[in-house]
């Protein structure tokens, strides 16, 4: 016996809304490239766009994962209504291969309608512990790689006077958080680049959208420097709730239809922090600095409790 529950009704409503959105977005036959397609968000976007009839170009560093994703999409869809995805190996940390990657991308279908930047490299550590090599790695992955790919496909979009570039960015492209120096710098840089690009290419009928989030509810691949960063525990233990890959994919689908310039998917606290940074900068800086001092003090107290206690239960006397 089938029981109708509130959860079932909610799922039906969500499915209906997505179907309506798909019909309005007209994904069918559009060439869509997704970077880091094997990630949680990349997979969800691939599923949604594939079912919508898009001609997908799936990109990522791990070829086996790309093949597994392509096989999964084929098994879950009607081959008469969908197109088999094209696969392109893409590693933003290897900038020397970027011209070849751009060529491979354009060879897939000869053009590109939608470019979704989804990849990101994270690092969290005190600034004095981060090497210049690490700084360069993060900047390649989060800034130089994406802008190189965008520049590579842009002439094709300009010629066709059509295209949509979407950057999935972090909220840290809007405000800087302590112990995220390199990461925040890369996110600020890429945000500024695509903000400038938006104004430059509007006359060619090309849209540029940025979607900033706090974090995605999935197990991310985090690369950290070998440094103690537990002083951040107080700052990070009460992070705002993140967004699910399903929510993000739905928002990206809406953005393709609305062509909205900027979307911020964040908790009200994060939005308030952005507001404070813009209009009350001294207050914002004081709060973040106080947070670091508080975290450092708690770390000192925690470390003091790690000393081996006197076996007699009395404090030791120094002569």
Protein backbone atom coordinates (compact mmCIF):
# COMPACT_ATOMS: atom_id res chain seq x y z
CA UNK A 1 0.00 0.00 0.00
CA UNK A 2 1.36 3.39 -1.02
CA UNK A 3 1.19 6.12 1.59
CA UNK A 4 1.21 9.75 0.55
CA UNK A 5 3.50 11.76 2.81
CA UNK A 6 4.61 15.35 2.93
CA UNK A 7 8.04 14.31 1.68
CA UNK A 8 6.55 12.56 -1.36
CA UNK A 9 4.45 15.60 -2.19
CA UNK A 10 7.52 17.84 -1.89
CA UNK A 11 9.50 15.60 -4.26
CA UNK A 12 6.67 15.67 -6.80
CA UNK A 13 6.48 19.46 -6.62
CA UNK A 14 10.28 19.79 -7.04
CA UNK A 15 10.20 17.42 -10.02
CA UNK A 16 7.38 19.37 -11.62
CA UNK A 17 9.20 22.69 -11.14
CA UNK A 18 12.43 21.30 -12.63
CA UNK A 19 10.54 19.98 -15.66
CA UNK A 20 8.93 23.39 -16.17
CA UNK A 21 12.31 25.04 -15.81
CA UNK A 22 13.86 22.65 -18.33
CA UNK A 23 11.14 23.46 -20.84
CA UNK A 24 11.74 27.20 -20.44
CA UNK A 25 15.52 26.95 -20.54
CA UNK A 26 15.55 24.99 -23.84
CA UNK A 27 18.74 23.08 -23.15
CA UNK A 28 18.23 20.76 -26.08
CA UNK A 29 21.09 20.81 -28.59
CA UNK A 30 23.00 23.46 -26.64
CA UNK A 31 26.69 22.70 -26.17
CA UNK A 32 27.49 22.87 -22.44
CA UNK A 33 30.96 22.46 -20.92
CA UNK A 34 31.31 21.66 -17.21
CA UNK A 35 34.71 21.77 -15.52
CA UNK A 36 35.44 19.32 -12.69
CA UNK A 37 32.51 17.25 -13.90
CA UNK A 38 33.32 14.36 -11.55
CA UNK A 39 32.74 16.49 -8.43
CA UNK A 40 29.45 16.38 -6.54
CA UNK A 41 28.16 19.56 -8.19
CA UNK A 42 29.60 18.60 -11.57
CA UNK A 43 27.79 15.26 -11.54
CA UNK A 44 24.49 16.85 -10.55
CA UNK A 45 24.78 19.48 -13.30
CA UNK A 46 25.68 16.78 -15.81
CA UNK A 47 22.59 14.75 -14.87
CA UNK A 48 20.22 17.72 -15.12
CA UNK A 49 21.64 19.10 -18.37
CA UNK A 50 21.95 15.65 -19.96
CA UNK A 51 18.28 14.91 -19.30
CA UNK A 52 17.45 18.31 -20.78
CA UNK A 53 19.00 17.30 -24.09
CA UNK A 54 22.22 19.31 -23.90
CA UNK A 55 25.34 18.28 -25.79
CA UNK A 56 27.70 17.89 -22.86
CA UNK A 57 31.46 18.31 -22.76
CA UNK A 58 32.64 16.83 -19.46
CA UNK A 59 36.04 18.00 -18.23
CA UNK A 60 38.21 16.87 -15.34
CA UNK A 61 41.60 15.60 -14.22
CA UNK A 62 40.62 11.96 -13.67
CA UNK A 63 39.84 10.26 -16.98
CA UNK A 64 38.42 7.11 -15.37
CA UNK A 65 35.93 9.14 -13.34
CA UNK A 66 34.85 10.98 -16.47
CA UNK A 67 34.27 7.68 -18.25
CA UNK A 68 32.29 6.34 -15.28
CA UNK A 69 30.12 9.46 -15.27
CA UNK A 70 29.49 9.23 -19.01
CA UNK A 71 28.49 5.58 -18.63
CA UNK A 72 26.18 6.42 -15.73
CA UNK A 73 24.47 9.15 -17.75
CA UNK A 74 24.00 6.77 -20.67
CA UNK A 75 22.47 4.10 -18.43
CA UNK A 76 20.04 6.55 -16.82
CA UNK A 77 18.73 8.22 -19.97
CA UNK A 78 16.86 7.54 -23.18
CA UNK A 79 19.43 7.46 -26.02
CA UNK A 80 16.81 8.71 -28.47
CA UNK A 81 16.37 11.91 -26.45
CA UNK A 82 19.93 12.58 -25.28
CA UNK A 83 23.43 12.90 -26.70
CA UNK A 84 26.46 10.90 -25.50
CA UNK A 85 28.82 13.26 -23.62
CA UNK A 86 32.19 14.22 -25.02
CA UNK A 87 35.15 13.95 -22.62
CA UNK A 88 38.12 16.30 -22.35
CA UNK A 89 40.95 15.90 -19.85
CA UNK A 90 41.48 19.21 -18.08
CA UNK A 91 43.91 20.05 -15.28
CA UNK A 92 44.17 23.75 -14.50
CA UNK A 93 47.40 23.13 -12.58
CA UNK A 94 49.14 22.28 -15.88
CA UNK A 95 49.00 25.59 -17.71
CA UNK A 96 51.29 24.43 -20.54
CA UNK A 97 48.55 22.11 -21.80
CA UNK A 98 45.82 24.76 -21.86
CA UNK A 99 46.15 25.63 -25.60
CA UNK A 100 45.71 21.93 -26.40
CA UNK A 101 42.70 21.74 -24.07
CA UNK A 102 41.05 24.73 -25.77
CA UNK A 103 41.59 23.07 -29.14
CA UNK A 104 40.12 19.78 -27.89
CA UNK A 105 37.07 21.58 -26.49
CA UNK A 106 36.31 23.40 -29.74
CA UNK A 107 36.91 20.23 -31.76
CA UNK A 108 34.07 18.49 -29.91
CA UNK A 109 31.26 20.41 -31.61
CA UNK A 110 32.95 23.35 -33.27
CA UNK A 111 31.38 25.82 -30.84
CA UNK A 112 30.34 26.33 -27.24
CA UNK A 113 27.05 27.73 -25.95
CA UNK A 114 27.51 27.46 -22.19
CA UNK A 115 30.72 27.36 -20.16
CA UNK A 116 30.37 26.47 -16.47
CA UNK A 117 33.42 26.91 -14.24
CA UNK A 118 32.94 24.57 -11.31
CA UNK A 119 36.47 23.60 -10.25
CA UNK A 120 38.31 25.01 -7.25
CA UNK A 121 41.39 24.36 -5.11
CA UNK A 122 41.20 25.18 -1.40
CA UNK A 123 43.95 25.89 1.09
CA UNK A 124 43.73 27.00 4.73
CA UNK A 125 46.80 27.95 6.78
CA UNK A 126 48.55 30.90 8.46
CA UNK A 127 50.07 33.14 5.82
CA UNK A 128 53.67 32.73 7.04
CA UNK A 129 53.47 28.96 6.48
CA UNK A 130 52.37 29.15 2.84
CA UNK A 131 55.10 28.81 0.25
CA UNK A 132 55.18 30.78 -2.98
CA UNK A 133 54.83 27.45 -4.78
CA UNK A 134 51.52 26.82 -3.01
CA UNK A 135 50.37 30.35 -3.84
CA UNK A 136 51.09 29.73 -7.52
CA UNK A 137 49.32 26.36 -7.50
CA UNK A 138 46.15 27.89 -6.07
CA UNK A 139 46.25 30.85 -8.45
CA UNK A 140 46.70 28.52 -11.44
CA UNK A 141 43.76 26.36 -10.39
CA UNK A 142 41.39 29.14 -9.34
CA UNK A 143 42.38 32.06 -11.55
CA UNK A 144 44.84 31.56 -14.42
CA UNK A 145 43.30 28.25 -15.52
CA UNK A 146 39.69 29.48 -15.77
CA UNK A 147 40.56 32.78 -17.45
CA UNK A 148 42.80 30.99 -19.98
CA UNK A 149 39.97 28.65 -20.95
CA UNK A 150 37.53 31.57 -21.12
CA UNK A 151 39.89 33.54 -23.37
CA UNK A 152 40.39 30.48 -25.56
CA UNK A 153 36.70 29.95 -26.34
CA UNK A 154 35.71 33.62 -26.35
CA UNK A 155 36.55 34.32 -30.03
CA UNK A 156 34.16 31.55 -31.07
CA UNK A 157 31.38 33.04 -28.93
CA UNK A 158 32.05 36.54 -30.27
CA UNK A 159 31.90 35.30 -33.86
CA UNK A 160 28.54 33.63 -33.20
CA UNK A 161 27.41 36.59 -31.03
CA UNK A 162 26.07 34.14 -28.51
CA UNK A 163 27.18 32.37 -25.36
CA UNK A 164 26.84 32.19 -21.59
CA UNK A 165 29.76 31.92 -19.16
CA UNK A 166 28.94 30.99 -15.57
CA UNK A 167 31.47 31.12 -12.73
CA UNK A 168 30.68 29.09 -9.63
CA UNK A 169 32.67 31.07 -7.08
CA UNK A 170 33.08 31.18 -3.32
CA UNK A 171 31.63 33.79 -1.01
CA UNK A 172 35.30 34.53 -0.29
CA UNK A 173 35.44 36.26 -3.63
CA UNK A 174 33.37 38.92 -1.85
CA UNK A 175 35.04 39.04 1.57
CA UNK A 176 38.32 37.77 3.02
CA UNK A 177 38.48 35.41 5.99
CA UNK A 178 41.62 34.99 8.13
CA UNK A 179 43.91 32.06 7.30
CA UNK A 180 42.49 31.90 3.77
CA UNK A 181 44.88 34.45 2.25
CA UNK A 182 45.82 32.63 -0.95
CA UNK A 183 42.39 31.10 -1.49
CA UNK A 184 40.55 34.39 -0.91
CA UNK A 185 43.00 36.24 -3.15
CA UNK A 186 42.38 33.80 -6.01
CA UNK A 187 38.62 34.07 -5.57
CA UNK A 188 38.72 37.88 -5.49
CA UNK A 189 40.86 37.88 -8.64
CA UNK A 190 38.60 35.57 -10.64
CA UNK A 191 35.50 37.48 -9.49
CA UNK A 192 37.01 40.76 -10.70
CA UNK A 193 38.02 39.23 -14.04
CA UNK A 194 34.54 37.97 -14.85
CA UNK A 195 32.93 41.21 -13.63
CA UNK A 196 35.09 43.09 -16.13
CA UNK A 197 34.47 40.50 -18.83
CA UNK A 198 30.71 40.86 -18.41
CA UNK A 199 30.80 44.52 -19.41
CA UNK A 200 33.20 43.92 -22.30
CA UNK A 201 31.24 41.14 -24.04
CA UNK A 202 27.67 42.31 -23.49
CA UNK A 203 27.64 44.03 -26.88
CA UNK A 204 28.30 40.63 -28.52
CA UNK A 205 25.24 39.02 -26.95
CA UNK A 206 27.35 37.04 -24.46
CA UNK A 207 26.15 36.72 -20.86
CA UNK A 208 28.45 36.34 -17.85
CA UNK A 209 27.04 35.20 -14.51
CA UNK A 210 28.70 34.57 -11.15
CA UNK A 211 27.19 32.36 -8.48
CA UNK A 212 28.81 32.67 -5.04
CA UNK A 213 28.15 30.18 -2.25
CA UNK A 214 29.45 29.50 1.26
CA UNK A 215 30.27 25.84 0.68
CA UNK A 216 28.70 22.83 -1.00
CA UNK A 217 27.38 20.02 1.17
CA UNK A 218 29.72 17.35 -0.11
CA UNK A 219 33.08 15.92 0.83
CA UNK A 220 35.45 18.34 -0.95
CA UNK A 221 38.97 17.57 -1.99
CA UNK A 222 40.82 19.92 0.32
CA UNK A 223 44.52 20.49 -0.12
CA UNK A 224 46.11 22.14 2.89
CA UNK A 225 49.62 23.22 3.64
CA UNK A 226 51.39 21.17 6.31
CA UNK A 227 50.75 23.67 9.04
CA UNK A 228 48.80 23.74 12.26
CA UNK A 229 45.63 25.71 11.67
CA UNK A 230 43.48 24.61 14.59
CA UNK A 231 43.38 28.24 15.77
CA UNK A 232 40.58 28.56 13.23
CA UNK A 233 38.31 26.18 15.11
CA UNK A 234 36.28 28.96 16.71
CA UNK A 235 35.93 30.81 13.40
CA UNK A 236 34.83 27.78 11.42
CA UNK A 237 32.91 25.56 13.79
CA UNK A 238 29.69 27.54 13.35
CA UNK A 239 29.83 28.02 9.60
CA UNK A 240 26.55 28.93 7.90
CA UNK A 241 24.71 26.02 6.36
CA UNK A 242 25.97 25.19 2.90
CA UNK A 243 23.95 24.40 -0.18
CA UNK A 244 23.39 20.98 -1.69
CA UNK A 245 24.58 20.05 -5.19
CA UNK A 246 20.92 19.69 -6.18
CA UNK A 247 20.15 23.25 -5.07
CA UNK A 248 23.19 24.58 -6.90
CA UNK A 249 22.34 22.73 -10.11
CA UNK A 250 18.79 24.07 -9.95
CA UNK A 251 20.08 27.61 -9.48
CA UNK A 252 22.46 27.22 -12.42
CA UNK A 253 19.58 26.05 -14.56
CA UNK A 254 17.55 29.10 -13.55
CA UNK A 255 20.52 31.33 -14.32
CA UNK A 256 20.73 29.99 -17.87
CA UNK A 257 17.16 31.13 -18.36
CA UNK A 258 17.23 34.43 -16.44
CA UNK A 259 20.80 35.41 -17.43
CA UNK A 260 21.10 37.07 -14.04
CA UNK A 261 24.49 38.71 -13.55
CA UNK A 262 25.15 37.74 -9.96
CA UNK A 263 23.66 35.27 -7.49
CA UNK A 264 24.71 34.85 -3.86
CA UNK A 265 23.63 31.58 -2.25
CA UNK A 266 24.55 32.13 1.37
CA UNK A 267 23.17 32.26 4.89
CA UNK A 268 21.98 35.65 6.13
CA UNK A 269 25.05 35.90 8.38
CA UNK A 270 27.38 35.70 5.38
CA UNK A 271 25.33 38.27 3.49
CA UNK A 272 25.45 40.56 6.54
CA UNK A 273 29.24 40.15 6.62
CA UNK A 274 29.47 41.25 2.97
CA UNK A 275 27.33 44.28 3.81
CA UNK A 276 29.48 45.10 6.85
CA UNK A 277 32.69 44.78 4.81
CA UNK A 278 31.34 47.25 2.23
CA UNK A 279 29.77 49.86 4.49
CA UNK A 280 31.46 49.39 7.89
CA UNK A 281 34.95 48.13 7.00
CA UNK A 282 36.64 49.12 10.27
CA UNK A 283 33.99 47.25 12.25
CA UNK A 284 34.39 44.18 10.03
CA UNK A 285 38.19 44.19 10.38
CA UNK A 286 37.92 44.56 14.16
CA UNK A 287 35.54 41.61 14.42
CA UNK A 288 37.72 39.31 12.31
CA UNK A 289 40.87 40.28 14.22
CA UNK A 290 39.08 39.68 17.53
CA UNK A 291 38.03 36.28 16.27
CA UNK A 292 41.63 35.34 15.54
CA UNK A 293 42.79 36.52 18.99
CA UNK A 294 40.01 34.56 20.68
CA UNK A 295 40.83 31.43 18.72
CA UNK A 296 44.53 31.78 19.55
CA UNK A 297 43.74 32.19 23.25
CA UNK A 298 41.59 29.06 23.26
CA UNK A 299 44.37 27.18 21.48
CA UNK A 300 46.84 28.24 24.16
CA UNK A 301 44.52 27.05 26.93
CA UNK A 302 43.97 23.73 25.16
CA UNK A 303 47.70 23.16 24.77
CA UNK A 304 48.34 23.95 28.43
CA UNK A 305 46.05 21.06 29.42
CA UNK A 306 48.19 18.65 27.43
CA UNK A 307 51.07 18.76 29.95
CA UNK A 308 51.56 15.55 31.90
CA UNK A 309 50.06 15.96 35.40
CA UNK A 310 52.19 15.51 38.52
CA UNK A 311 51.74 11.90 39.74
CA UNK A 312 51.26 13.14 43.32
CA UNK A 313 48.52 15.47 42.27
CA UNK A 314 50.49 18.51 43.40
CA UNK A 315 52.08 21.19 41.27
CA UNK A 316 55.79 20.61 40.72
CA UNK A 317 58.22 22.94 42.50
CA UNK A 318 61.16 24.45 40.68
CA UNK A 319 64.31 24.87 42.72
